[in-house]
Amino acid sequence: MDNLLIFVCVFYVAMKHCIRWDFRLKFMDFWTSSDFW
């Protein structure tokens, strides 16, 4: 559970920075289409 919390925090910080939108879309597509969980 701690690892998930760390991941969420890192993800939130990354989203707050000006990461390009297309990168976000690709990441979310990869995340939702893979067996990440």
Protein backbone atom coordinates (compact mmCIF):
# COMPACT_ATOMS: atom_id res chain seq x y z
CA MET A 1 0.00 0.00 0.00
CA ASP A 2 2.90 2.33 0.72
CA ASN A 3 4.24 1.74 -2.79
CA LEU A 4 0.88 2.75 -4.26
CA LEU A 5 0.87 5.94 -2.18
CA ILE A 6 4.38 6.80 -3.38
CA PHE A 7 3.33 6.12 -6.97
CA VAL A 8 0.30 8.39 -6.64
CA CYS A 9 2.44 11.17 -5.12
CA VAL A 10 5.04 10.91 -7.89
CA PHE A 11 2.30 10.81 -10.53
CA TYR A 12 0.64 13.91 -9.03
CA VAL A 13 3.92 15.85 -8.96
CA ALA A 14 4.65 14.81 -12.56
CA MET A 15 1.20 15.97 -13.65
CA LYS A 16 1.68 19.32 -11.87
CA HIS A 17 4.81 19.90 -13.94
CA CYS A 18 4.26 20.85 -17.56
CA ILE A 19 4.51 17.38 -19.02
CA ARG A 20 3.21 17.39 -22.58
CA TRP A 21 -0.40 16.28 -22.99
CA ASP A 22 0.41 13.66 -25.63
CA PHE A 23 2.87 12.03 -23.20
CA ARG A 24 0.12 11.90 -20.58
CA LEU A 25 -2.27 10.30 -23.05
CA LYS A 26 0.33 7.70 -24.05
CA PHE A 27 1.12 6.95 -20.42
CA MET A 28 -2.53 6.56 -19.46
CA ASP A 29 -3.14 4.36 -22.52
CA PHE A 30 -0.18 2.16 -21.54
CA TRP A 31 -1.25 2.08 -17.89
CA THR A 32 -4.87 1.14 -18.60
CA SER A 33 -4.07 -1.38 -21.36
CA SER A 34 -1.29 -3.24 -19.55
CA ASP A 35 -1.43 -5.75 -16.71
CA PHE A 36 0.05 -3.14 -14.39
CA TRP A 37 -1.99 -4.23 -11.39
